[in-house]
Amino acid sequence: MPDDPLVPRSVAAMRQAFDGAFAEPRREGSRSTQRVMLVRIGSTPYAVRLEECSAIVPLPSITTLPSVVYAFCGVAHVRGALVPVYDLARLLQLDTPADASRWLLVTAGDDRVGFIVDALEGHGTAAEQAQEAGDPTPVVQVDDTDYRLLALPRIVAGIREQAGLET
């Protein structure tokens, strides 16, 4: 880092220590934990951060609408609002079992989006696991079972990009 005469040495040292912390491997005892909802999409177990969900409801009636996004199913009325609904199995290119109970996860935030999942398996506190290089989906562990962690905001951003909307 080049020396900047306007930045005091203590601030520069703190900046260097902060930036350097991201270059170090994660310490074994410093695993972060998070509260997650455990779902199944097709036959694959996934986890979703509870803080990213505003509602989890049995799949309501969906009014179909045309869209350029393959996984778009239509809109549903959830808690007084119309919510666009997407099928996570289609987005993730997974098969859905015929006997799936089907639930709708609604994202938190101002722009709510609904995602169809095949089953709810519960909730818990997850510890993040080591991630393989090049794998974009982290794995978390709940009660000795590994779950792939879905990042709903990232999925929404991908849908907006696919639809040609600004993110």
N, C-alpha and C. Protein backbone atom coordinates (compact mmCIF):
# COMPACT_ATOMS: atom_id res chain seq x y z
N MET A 1 0.85 -1.17 0.00
CA MET A 1 0.00 0.00 0.00
C MET A 1 0.90 1.24 0.00
N PRO A 2 0.69 2.17 -0.95
CA PRO A 2 1.54 3.35 -1.00
C PRO A 2 1.27 4.25 0.20
N ASP A 3 2.32 4.97 0.64
CA ASP A 3 2.17 5.90 1.75
C ASP A 3 1.42 7.13 1.27
N ASP A 4 0.44 7.53 2.06
CA ASP A 4 -0.35 8.73 1.76
C ASP A 4 -0.09 9.71 2.90
N PRO A 5 0.47 10.87 2.61
CA PRO A 5 0.80 11.81 3.68
C PRO A 5 -0.43 12.33 4.43
N LEU A 6 -1.62 12.20 3.85
CA LEU A 6 -2.83 12.68 4.51
C LEU A 6 -3.44 11.66 5.46
N VAL A 7 -3.00 10.41 5.38
CA VAL A 7 -3.55 9.35 6.23
C VAL A 7 -2.57 9.07 7.36
N PRO A 8 -3.00 9.27 8.62
CA PRO A 8 -2.10 8.98 9.74
C PRO A 8 -1.66 7.52 9.73
N ARG A 9 -0.47 7.26 10.25
CA ARG A 9 0.08 5.90 10.24
C ARG A 9 -0.83 4.90 10.95
N SER A 10 -1.49 5.29 12.04
CA SER A 10 -2.35 4.36 12.76
C SER A 10 -3.54 3.93 11.89
N VAL A 11 -4.11 4.86 11.12
CA VAL A 11 -5.21 4.52 10.23
C VAL A 11 -4.71 3.61 9.11
N ALA A 12 -3.56 3.93 8.57
CA ALA A 12 -2.98 3.11 7.52
C ALA A 12 -2.71 1.69 8.04
N ALA A 13 -2.22 1.57 9.27
CA ALA A 13 -1.95 0.26 9.87
C ALA A 13 -3.25 -0.52 10.06
N MET A 14 -4.31 0.17 10.51
CA MET A 14 -5.60 -0.49 10.69
C MET A 14 -6.15 -0.97 9.34
N ARG A 15 -6.02 -0.14 8.31
CA ARG A 15 -6.50 -0.51 6.98
C ARG A 15 -5.75 -1.74 6.49
N GLN A 16 -4.43 -1.76 6.69
CA GLN A 16 -3.63 -2.88 6.23
C GLN A 16 -4.00 -4.16 7.00
N ALA A 17 -4.22 -4.05 8.30
CA ALA A 17 -4.61 -5.21 9.10
C ALA A 17 -5.98 -5.74 8.68
N PHE A 18 -6.91 -4.81 8.40
CA PHE A 18 -8.26 -5.19 7.97
C PHE A 18 -8.20 -5.91 6.63
N ASP A 19 -7.50 -5.32 5.65
CA ASP A 19 -7.39 -5.94 4.33
C ASP A 19 -6.66 -7.27 4.41
N GLY A 20 -5.64 -7.35 5.25
CA GLY A 20 -4.87 -8.57 5.40
C GLY A 20 -5.67 -9.72 6.00
N ALA A 21 -6.67 -9.40 6.82
CA ALA A 21 -7.49 -10.43 7.44
C ALA A 21 -8.25 -11.26 6.41
N PHE A 22 -8.57 -10.65 5.26
CA PHE A 22 -9.28 -11.38 4.22
C PHE A 22 -8.36 -12.30 3.42
N ALA A 23 -7.08 -12.08 3.50
CA ALA A 23 -6.12 -12.91 2.78
C ALA A 23 -5.72 -14.15 3.58
N GLU A 24 -5.98 -14.12 4.89
CA GLU A 24 -5.63 -15.25 5.75
C GLU A 24 -6.69 -16.34 5.67
N PRO A 25 -6.30 -17.61 5.80
CA PRO A 25 -7.30 -18.67 5.85
C PRO A 25 -8.13 -18.56 7.12
N ARG A 26 -9.37 -19.02 7.03
CA ARG A 26 -10.26 -18.98 8.19
C ARG A 26 -9.73 -19.88 9.29
N ARG A 27 -9.75 -19.38 10.50
CA ARG A 27 -9.29 -20.17 11.65
C ARG A 27 -10.34 -21.22 12.00
N GLU A 28 -9.89 -22.41 12.40
CA GLU A 28 -10.79 -23.53 12.67
C GLU A 28 -11.83 -23.19 13.73
N GLY A 29 -11.47 -22.50 14.76
CA GLY A 29 -12.41 -22.21 15.83
C GLY A 29 -13.31 -21.02 15.58
N SER A 30 -13.22 -20.40 14.39
CA SER A 30 -13.96 -19.16 14.16
C SER A 30 -15.10 -19.33 13.16
N ARG A 31 -15.72 -20.49 13.11
CA ARG A 31 -16.84 -20.69 12.21
C ARG A 31 -18.01 -19.81 12.60
N SER A 32 -18.60 -19.17 11.61
CA SER A 32 -19.77 -18.36 11.90
C SER A 32 -21.01 -19.24 11.89
N THR A 33 -22.00 -18.84 12.65
CA THR A 33 -23.26 -19.58 12.67
C THR A 33 -24.38 -18.65 12.22
N GLN A 34 -25.44 -19.24 11.71
CA GLN A 34 -26.59 -18.48 11.25
C GLN A 34 -27.85 -19.34 11.37
N ARG A 35 -28.98 -18.68 11.55
CA ARG A 35 -30.25 -19.40 11.62
C ARG A 35 -30.76 -19.62 10.21
N VAL A 36 -31.15 -20.87 9.93
CA VAL A 36 -31.57 -21.23 8.58
C VAL A 36 -32.87 -22.03 8.58
N MET A 37 -33.58 -21.93 7.45
CA MET A 37 -34.74 -22.78 7.17
C MET A 37 -34.23 -23.89 6.27
N LEU A 38 -34.59 -25.12 6.57
CA LEU A 38 -34.14 -26.28 5.82
C LEU A 38 -35.24 -26.71 4.86
N VAL A 39 -34.91 -26.77 3.57
CA VAL A 39 -35.90 -27.09 2.54
C VAL A 39 -35.35 -28.17 1.63
N ARG A 40 -36.24 -28.74 0.84
CA ARG A 40 -35.84 -29.69 -0.19
C ARG A 40 -36.36 -29.17 -1.52
N ILE A 41 -35.47 -29.20 -2.50
CA ILE A 41 -35.83 -28.84 -3.87
C ILE A 41 -35.47 -30.05 -4.71
N GLY A 42 -36.48 -30.68 -5.28
CA GLY A 42 -36.25 -31.99 -5.88
C GLY A 42 -35.87 -32.94 -4.76
N SER A 43 -34.79 -33.65 -4.92
CA SER A 43 -34.33 -34.55 -3.85
C SER A 43 -33.12 -33.97 -3.12
N THR A 44 -32.79 -32.70 -3.39
CA THR A 44 -31.60 -32.08 -2.83
C THR A 44 -31.92 -31.22 -1.62
N PRO A 45 -31.22 -31.41 -0.50
CA PRO A 45 -31.46 -30.56 0.67
C PRO A 45 -30.74 -29.21 0.53
N TYR A 46 -31.44 -28.14 0.88
CA TYR A 46 -30.88 -26.79 0.85
C TYR A 46 -31.20 -26.09 2.15
N ALA A 47 -30.44 -25.04 2.44
CA ALA A 47 -30.72 -24.16 3.57
C ALA A 47 -30.87 -22.74 3.04
N VAL A 48 -31.74 -21.98 3.70
CA VAL A 48 -31.97 -20.58 3.36
C VAL A 48 -31.88 -19.79 4.65
N ARG A 49 -31.13 -18.69 4.63
CA ARG A 49 -31.02 -17.85 5.84
C ARG A 49 -32.40 -17.31 6.22
N LEU A 50 -32.78 -17.48 7.48
CA LEU A 50 -34.07 -16.98 7.93
C LEU A 50 -34.20 -15.47 7.75
N GLU A 51 -33.10 -14.74 7.90
CA GLU A 51 -33.15 -13.29 7.75
C GLU A 51 -33.49 -12.86 6.33
N GLU A 52 -33.36 -13.77 5.35
CA GLU A 52 -33.67 -13.46 3.96
C GLU A 52 -35.12 -13.76 3.61
N CYS A 53 -35.89 -14.33 4.57
CA CYS A 53 -37.28 -14.70 4.33
C CYS A 53 -38.23 -13.84 5.15
N SER A 54 -39.31 -13.39 4.52
CA SER A 54 -40.34 -12.65 5.27
C SER A 54 -41.55 -13.52 5.53
N ALA A 55 -41.74 -14.58 4.74
CA ALA A 55 -42.88 -15.48 4.93
C ALA A 55 -42.56 -16.84 4.33
N ILE A 56 -43.17 -17.85 4.94
CA ILE A 56 -43.10 -19.21 4.42
C ILE A 56 -44.53 -19.73 4.54
N VAL A 57 -45.18 -19.93 3.39
CA VAL A 57 -46.60 -20.29 3.39
C VAL A 57 -46.83 -21.48 2.46
N PRO A 58 -47.93 -22.26 2.73
CA PRO A 58 -48.29 -23.30 1.75
C PRO A 58 -48.51 -22.63 0.39
N LEU A 59 -48.17 -23.32 -0.66
CA LEU A 59 -48.23 -22.73 -2.00
C LEU A 59 -49.64 -22.22 -2.30
N PRO A 60 -49.79 -20.90 -2.49
CA PRO A 60 -51.11 -20.35 -2.81
C PRO A 60 -51.43 -20.53 -4.30
N SER A 61 -52.62 -20.14 -4.67
CA SER A 61 -53.01 -20.14 -6.07
C SER A 61 -52.14 -19.14 -6.83
N ILE A 62 -51.69 -19.53 -8.01
CA ILE A 62 -50.81 -18.68 -8.80
C ILE A 62 -51.51 -18.30 -10.10
N THR A 63 -51.53 -17.01 -10.41
CA THR A 63 -52.06 -16.53 -11.68
C THR A 63 -50.90 -16.47 -12.66
N THR A 64 -50.98 -17.25 -13.72
CA THR A 64 -49.87 -17.32 -14.67
C THR A 64 -49.83 -16.07 -15.55
N LEU A 65 -48.62 -15.66 -15.88
CA LEU A 65 -48.36 -14.52 -16.75
C LEU A 65 -47.18 -14.89 -17.64
N PRO A 66 -47.10 -14.31 -18.84
CA PRO A 66 -45.94 -14.60 -19.69
C PRO A 66 -44.69 -13.90 -19.17
N SER A 67 -43.53 -14.50 -19.46
CA SER A 67 -42.26 -13.92 -19.02
C SER A 67 -41.13 -14.47 -19.87
N VAL A 68 -40.04 -13.72 -19.95
CA VAL A 68 -38.84 -14.20 -20.63
C VAL A 68 -38.03 -15.11 -19.72
N VAL A 69 -38.33 -15.11 -18.44
CA VAL A 69 -37.61 -15.94 -17.48
C VAL A 69 -38.31 -17.29 -17.38
N TYR A 70 -37.59 -18.35 -17.75
CA TYR A 70 -38.16 -19.70 -17.82
C TYR A 70 -38.81 -20.13 -16.50
N ALA A 71 -38.23 -19.80 -15.37
CA ALA A 71 -38.70 -20.29 -14.07
C ALA A 71 -39.85 -19.46 -13.50
N PHE A 72 -40.26 -18.39 -14.19
CA PHE A 72 -41.35 -17.55 -13.69
C PHE A 72 -42.66 -18.31 -13.83
N CYS A 73 -43.42 -18.39 -12.73
CA CYS A 73 -44.68 -19.11 -12.73
C CYS A 73 -45.89 -18.18 -12.82
N GLY A 74 -45.74 -16.95 -12.33
CA GLY A 74 -46.85 -16.00 -12.31
C GLY A 74 -46.78 -15.18 -11.04
N VAL A 75 -47.96 -14.74 -10.58
CA VAL A 75 -48.03 -13.96 -9.34
C VAL A 75 -48.99 -14.63 -8.37
N ALA A 76 -48.75 -14.41 -7.09
CA ALA A 76 -49.61 -14.96 -6.04
C ALA A 76 -49.91 -13.86 -5.03
N HIS A 77 -51.04 -13.98 -4.39
CA HIS A 77 -51.44 -13.04 -3.34
C HIS A 77 -50.94 -13.60 -2.01
N VAL A 78 -49.99 -12.88 -1.39
CA VAL A 78 -49.41 -13.32 -0.11
C VAL A 78 -49.45 -12.16 0.86
N ARG A 79 -50.21 -12.33 1.94
CA ARG A 79 -50.29 -11.33 3.01
C ARG A 79 -50.58 -9.92 2.49
N GLY A 80 -51.57 -9.84 1.62
CA GLY A 80 -52.02 -8.53 1.16
C GLY A 80 -51.23 -7.93 0.01
N ALA A 81 -50.31 -8.68 -0.58
CA ALA A 81 -49.50 -8.14 -1.68
C ALA A 81 -49.39 -9.17 -2.80
N LEU A 82 -49.28 -8.66 -4.03
CA LEU A 82 -48.99 -9.54 -5.16
C LEU A 82 -47.48 -9.77 -5.22
N VAL A 83 -47.10 -11.04 -5.31
CA VAL A 83 -45.70 -11.41 -5.28
C VAL A 83 -45.38 -12.21 -6.55
N PRO A 84 -44.33 -11.83 -7.30
CA PRO A 84 -43.91 -12.68 -8.42
C PRO A 84 -43.38 -14.01 -7.88
N VAL A 85 -43.72 -15.10 -8.56
CA VAL A 85 -43.37 -16.44 -8.07
C VAL A 85 -42.48 -17.15 -9.09
N TYR A 86 -41.38 -17.71 -8.58
CA TYR A 86 -40.44 -18.46 -9.40
C TYR A 86 -40.27 -19.86 -8.82
N ASP A 87 -40.07 -20.82 -9.68
CA ASP A 87 -39.85 -22.21 -9.26
C ASP A 87 -38.35 -22.44 -9.11
N LEU A 88 -37.91 -22.66 -7.88
CA LEU A 88 -36.47 -22.88 -7.63
C LEU A 88 -35.97 -24.15 -8.32
N ALA A 89 -36.81 -25.17 -8.44
CA ALA A 89 -36.37 -26.40 -9.12
C ALA A 89 -36.03 -26.09 -10.58
N ARG A 90 -36.83 -25.28 -11.24
CA ARG A 90 -36.51 -24.89 -12.63
C ARG A 90 -35.25 -24.05 -12.68
N LEU A 91 -35.12 -23.09 -11.75
CA LEU A 91 -33.93 -22.23 -11.74
C LEU A 91 -32.66 -23.05 -11.55
N LEU A 92 -32.74 -24.07 -10.69
CA LEU A 92 -31.57 -24.89 -10.38
C LEU A 92 -31.47 -26.12 -11.27
N GLN A 93 -32.42 -26.25 -12.22
CA GLN A 93 -32.45 -27.37 -13.16
C GLN A 93 -32.52 -28.71 -12.45
N LEU A 94 -33.48 -28.81 -11.51
CA LEU A 94 -33.69 -30.04 -10.75
C LEU A 94 -35.07 -30.60 -11.05
N ASP A 95 -35.22 -31.91 -10.94
CA ASP A 95 -36.52 -32.55 -11.10
C ASP A 95 -37.31 -32.42 -9.81
N THR A 96 -38.64 -32.27 -9.95
CA THR A 96 -39.51 -32.15 -8.79
C THR A 96 -40.33 -33.43 -8.65
N PRO A 97 -40.33 -34.04 -7.46
CA PRO A 97 -41.12 -35.26 -7.28
C PRO A 97 -42.62 -34.95 -7.36
N ALA A 98 -43.40 -35.92 -7.86
CA ALA A 98 -44.84 -35.73 -8.03
C ALA A 98 -45.55 -35.54 -6.69
N ASP A 99 -45.02 -36.10 -5.62
CA ASP A 99 -45.69 -36.03 -4.32
C ASP A 99 -45.20 -34.86 -3.45
N ALA A 100 -44.56 -33.88 -4.04
CA ALA A 100 -44.02 -32.75 -3.28
C ALA A 100 -45.16 -31.94 -2.67
N SER A 101 -44.95 -31.46 -1.44
CA SER A 101 -46.00 -30.69 -0.76
C SER A 101 -46.05 -29.25 -1.23
N ARG A 102 -44.95 -28.70 -1.70
CA ARG A 102 -44.82 -27.38 -2.31
C ARG A 102 -45.18 -26.26 -1.34
N TRP A 103 -44.17 -25.43 -1.09
CA TRP A 103 -44.28 -24.27 -0.22
C TRP A 103 -43.75 -23.05 -0.95
N LEU A 104 -44.09 -21.88 -0.45
CA LEU A 104 -43.60 -20.64 -1.04
C LEU A 104 -42.79 -19.89 0.00
N LEU A 105 -41.51 -19.64 -0.32
CA LEU A 105 -40.66 -18.78 0.50
C LEU A 105 -40.73 -17.39 -0.10
N VAL A 106 -41.03 -16.40 0.72
CA VAL A 106 -41.10 -15.02 0.23
C VAL A 106 -39.91 -14.26 0.81
N THR A 107 -39.18 -13.59 -0.06
CA THR A 107 -37.97 -12.89 0.36
C THR A 107 -38.31 -11.69 1.24
N ALA A 108 -37.37 -11.30 2.07
CA ALA A 108 -37.49 -10.11 2.90
C ALA A 108 -37.08 -8.90 2.06
N GLY A 109 -37.44 -7.72 2.52
CA GLY A 109 -37.05 -6.50 1.81
C GLY A 109 -38.22 -5.86 1.11
N ASP A 110 -37.93 -4.78 0.40
CA ASP A 110 -38.98 -4.03 -0.27
C ASP A 110 -39.54 -4.75 -1.50
N ASP A 111 -38.67 -5.35 -2.30
CA ASP A 111 -39.10 -6.06 -3.50
C ASP A 111 -39.23 -7.53 -3.18
N ARG A 112 -40.41 -7.92 -2.73
CA ARG A 112 -40.63 -9.31 -2.32
C ARG A 112 -40.79 -10.20 -3.54
N VAL A 113 -40.17 -11.37 -3.47
CA VAL A 113 -40.23 -12.37 -4.52
C VAL A 113 -40.52 -13.70 -3.85
N GLY A 114 -41.38 -14.51 -4.48
CA GLY A 114 -41.69 -15.83 -3.94
C GLY A 114 -40.95 -16.92 -4.69
N PHE A 115 -40.44 -17.90 -3.94
CA PHE A 115 -39.74 -19.04 -4.52
C PHE A 115 -40.43 -20.33 -4.06
N ILE A 116 -40.78 -21.16 -5.02
CA ILE A 116 -41.41 -22.45 -4.70
C ILE A 116 -40.33 -23.45 -4.30
N VAL A 117 -40.56 -24.13 -3.18
CA VAL A 117 -39.72 -25.25 -2.75
C VAL A 117 -40.61 -26.47 -2.60
N ASP A 118 -40.01 -27.65 -2.66
CA ASP A 118 -40.80 -28.88 -2.65
C ASP A 118 -41.20 -29.34 -1.26
N ALA A 119 -40.38 -29.06 -0.25
CA ALA A 119 -40.70 -29.51 1.10
C ALA A 119 -39.96 -28.66 2.12
N LEU A 120 -40.58 -28.50 3.28
CA LEU A 120 -39.92 -27.89 4.43
C LEU A 120 -39.45 -29.01 5.33
N GLU A 121 -38.20 -28.92 5.77
CA GLU A 121 -37.66 -29.96 6.64
C GLU A 121 -37.42 -29.48 8.06
N GLY A 122 -37.55 -28.18 8.29
CA GLY A 122 -37.33 -27.65 9.63
C GLY A 122 -36.47 -26.41 9.60
N HIS A 123 -35.89 -26.12 10.75
CA HIS A 123 -35.00 -24.97 10.87
C HIS A 123 -33.93 -25.31 11.88
N GLY A 124 -32.89 -24.52 11.91
CA GLY A 124 -31.82 -24.77 12.85
C GLY A 124 -30.74 -23.72 12.77
N THR A 125 -29.69 -23.97 13.51
CA THR A 125 -28.52 -23.09 13.48
C THR A 125 -27.45 -23.81 12.70
N ALA A 126 -26.93 -23.13 11.70
CA ALA A 126 -25.97 -23.76 10.79
C ALA A 126 -24.58 -23.21 11.00
N ALA A 127 -23.62 -24.09 10.88
CA ALA A 127 -22.21 -23.70 10.89
C ALA A 127 -21.70 -23.81 9.47
N GLU A 128 -21.05 -22.74 8.99
CA GLU A 128 -20.53 -22.75 7.63
C GLU A 128 -19.35 -23.69 7.53
N GLN A 129 -19.31 -24.47 6.45
CA GLN A 129 -18.25 -25.45 6.21
C GLN A 129 -17.23 -24.86 5.25
N ALA A 130 -16.08 -25.50 5.17
CA ALA A 130 -15.06 -25.09 4.20
C ALA A 130 -15.64 -25.26 2.80
N GLN A 131 -15.32 -24.32 1.93
CA GLN A 131 -15.87 -24.32 0.58
C GLN A 131 -14.79 -24.72 -0.41
N GLU A 132 -15.18 -25.56 -1.37
CA GLU A 132 -14.23 -25.98 -2.40
C GLU A 132 -13.97 -24.82 -3.35
N ALA A 133 -12.76 -24.73 -3.86
CA ALA A 133 -12.40 -23.67 -4.80
C ALA A 133 -13.28 -23.77 -6.04
N GLY A 134 -13.81 -22.64 -6.47
CA GLY A 134 -14.63 -22.58 -7.67
C GLY A 134 -16.08 -22.95 -7.44
N ASP A 135 -16.48 -23.33 -6.22
CA ASP A 135 -17.86 -23.69 -5.93
C ASP A 135 -18.60 -22.45 -5.44
N PRO A 136 -19.59 -21.95 -6.20
CA PRO A 136 -20.26 -20.72 -5.81
C PRO A 136 -21.30 -20.89 -4.70
N THR A 137 -21.67 -22.13 -4.38
CA THR A 137 -22.69 -22.36 -3.37
C THR A 137 -22.06 -22.92 -2.11
N PRO A 138 -22.03 -22.13 -1.02
CA PRO A 138 -21.45 -22.63 0.22
C PRO A 138 -22.28 -23.78 0.82
N VAL A 139 -21.64 -24.56 1.65
CA VAL A 139 -22.30 -25.65 2.35
C VAL A 139 -22.32 -25.32 3.83
N VAL A 140 -23.48 -25.55 4.46
CA VAL A 140 -23.60 -25.37 5.91
C VAL A 140 -23.99 -26.71 6.51
N GLN A 141 -23.74 -26.84 7.81
CA GLN A 141 -24.07 -28.08 8.49
C GLN A 141 -25.04 -27.80 9.62
N VAL A 142 -26.12 -28.59 9.65
CA VAL A 142 -27.10 -28.53 10.72
C VAL A 142 -27.30 -29.95 11.23
N ASP A 143 -27.07 -30.16 12.51
CA ASP A 143 -27.23 -31.49 13.12
C ASP A 143 -26.52 -32.58 12.30
N ASP A 144 -25.27 -32.35 11.97
CA ASP A 144 -24.42 -33.31 11.26
C ASP A 144 -24.88 -33.63 9.83
N THR A 145 -25.77 -32.81 9.27
CA THR A 145 -26.19 -32.98 7.88
C THR A 145 -25.77 -31.75 7.08
N ASP A 146 -25.19 -31.98 5.91
CA ASP A 146 -24.76 -30.88 5.05
C ASP A 146 -25.91 -30.40 4.17
N TYR A 147 -26.03 -29.09 4.06
CA TYR A 147 -27.03 -28.45 3.21
C TYR A 147 -26.32 -27.40 2.35
N ARG A 148 -26.71 -27.31 1.08
CA ARG A 148 -26.21 -26.24 0.23
C ARG A 148 -26.98 -24.97 0.60
N LEU A 149 -26.25 -23.88 0.79
CA LEU A 149 -26.86 -22.63 1.24
C LEU A 149 -27.25 -21.78 0.03
N LEU A 150 -28.54 -21.48 -0.09
CA LEU A 150 -29.03 -20.61 -1.16
C LEU A 150 -28.99 -19.17 -0.71
N ALA A 151 -28.46 -18.30 -1.53
CA ALA A 151 -28.43 -16.86 -1.25
C ALA A 151 -29.56 -16.23 -2.06
N LEU A 152 -30.72 -16.02 -1.43
CA LEU A 152 -31.88 -15.51 -2.15
C LEU A 152 -31.62 -14.16 -2.82
N PRO A 153 -30.93 -13.20 -2.18
CA PRO A 153 -30.67 -11.94 -2.88
C PRO A 153 -29.86 -12.13 -4.16
N ARG A 154 -28.94 -13.06 -4.15
CA ARG A 154 -28.14 -13.31 -5.35
C ARG A 154 -29.00 -13.94 -6.44
N ILE A 155 -29.93 -14.82 -6.05
CA ILE A 155 -30.83 -15.44 -7.02
C ILE A 155 -31.74 -14.37 -7.63
N VAL A 156 -32.26 -13.47 -6.80
CA VAL A 156 -33.12 -12.39 -7.30
C VAL A 156 -32.33 -11.51 -8.28
N ALA A 157 -31.10 -11.19 -7.96
CA ALA A 157 -30.26 -10.38 -8.86
C ALA A 157 -30.06 -11.10 -10.19
N GLY A 158 -29.86 -12.39 -10.17
CA GLY A 158 -29.71 -13.17 -11.40
C GLY A 158 -30.97 -13.16 -12.25
N ILE A 159 -32.13 -13.25 -11.59
CA ILE A 159 -33.41 -13.20 -12.30
C ILE A 159 -33.59 -11.84 -12.95
N ARG A 160 -33.30 -10.77 -12.19
CA ARG A 160 -33.42 -9.41 -12.73
C ARG A 160 -32.49 -9.22 -13.94
N GLU A 161 -31.31 -9.77 -13.86
CA GLU A 161 -30.37 -9.67 -14.98
C GLU A 161 -30.88 -10.45 -16.19
N GLN A 162 -31.40 -11.66 -15.95
CA GLN A 162 -31.93 -12.49 -17.04
C GLN A 162 -33.11 -11.80 -17.71
N ALA A 163 -33.93 -11.10 -16.93
CA ALA A 163 -35.09 -10.40 -17.46
C ALA A 163 -34.74 -9.07 -18.11
N GLY A 164 -33.47 -8.66 -17.98
CA GLY A 164 -33.06 -7.39 -18.57
C GLY A 164 -33.41 -6.19 -17.72
N LEU A 165 -33.61 -6.40 -16.42
CA LEU A 165 -33.92 -5.31 -15.51
C LEU A 165 -32.65 -4.84 -14.83
N GLU A 166 -32.62 -3.60 -14.42
CA GLU A 166 -31.46 -3.09 -13.67
C GLU A 166 -31.42 -3.75 -12.32
N THR A 167 -30.21 -3.97 -11.80
CA THR A 167 -30.08 -4.58 -10.46
C THR A 167 -29.73 -3.53 -9.45
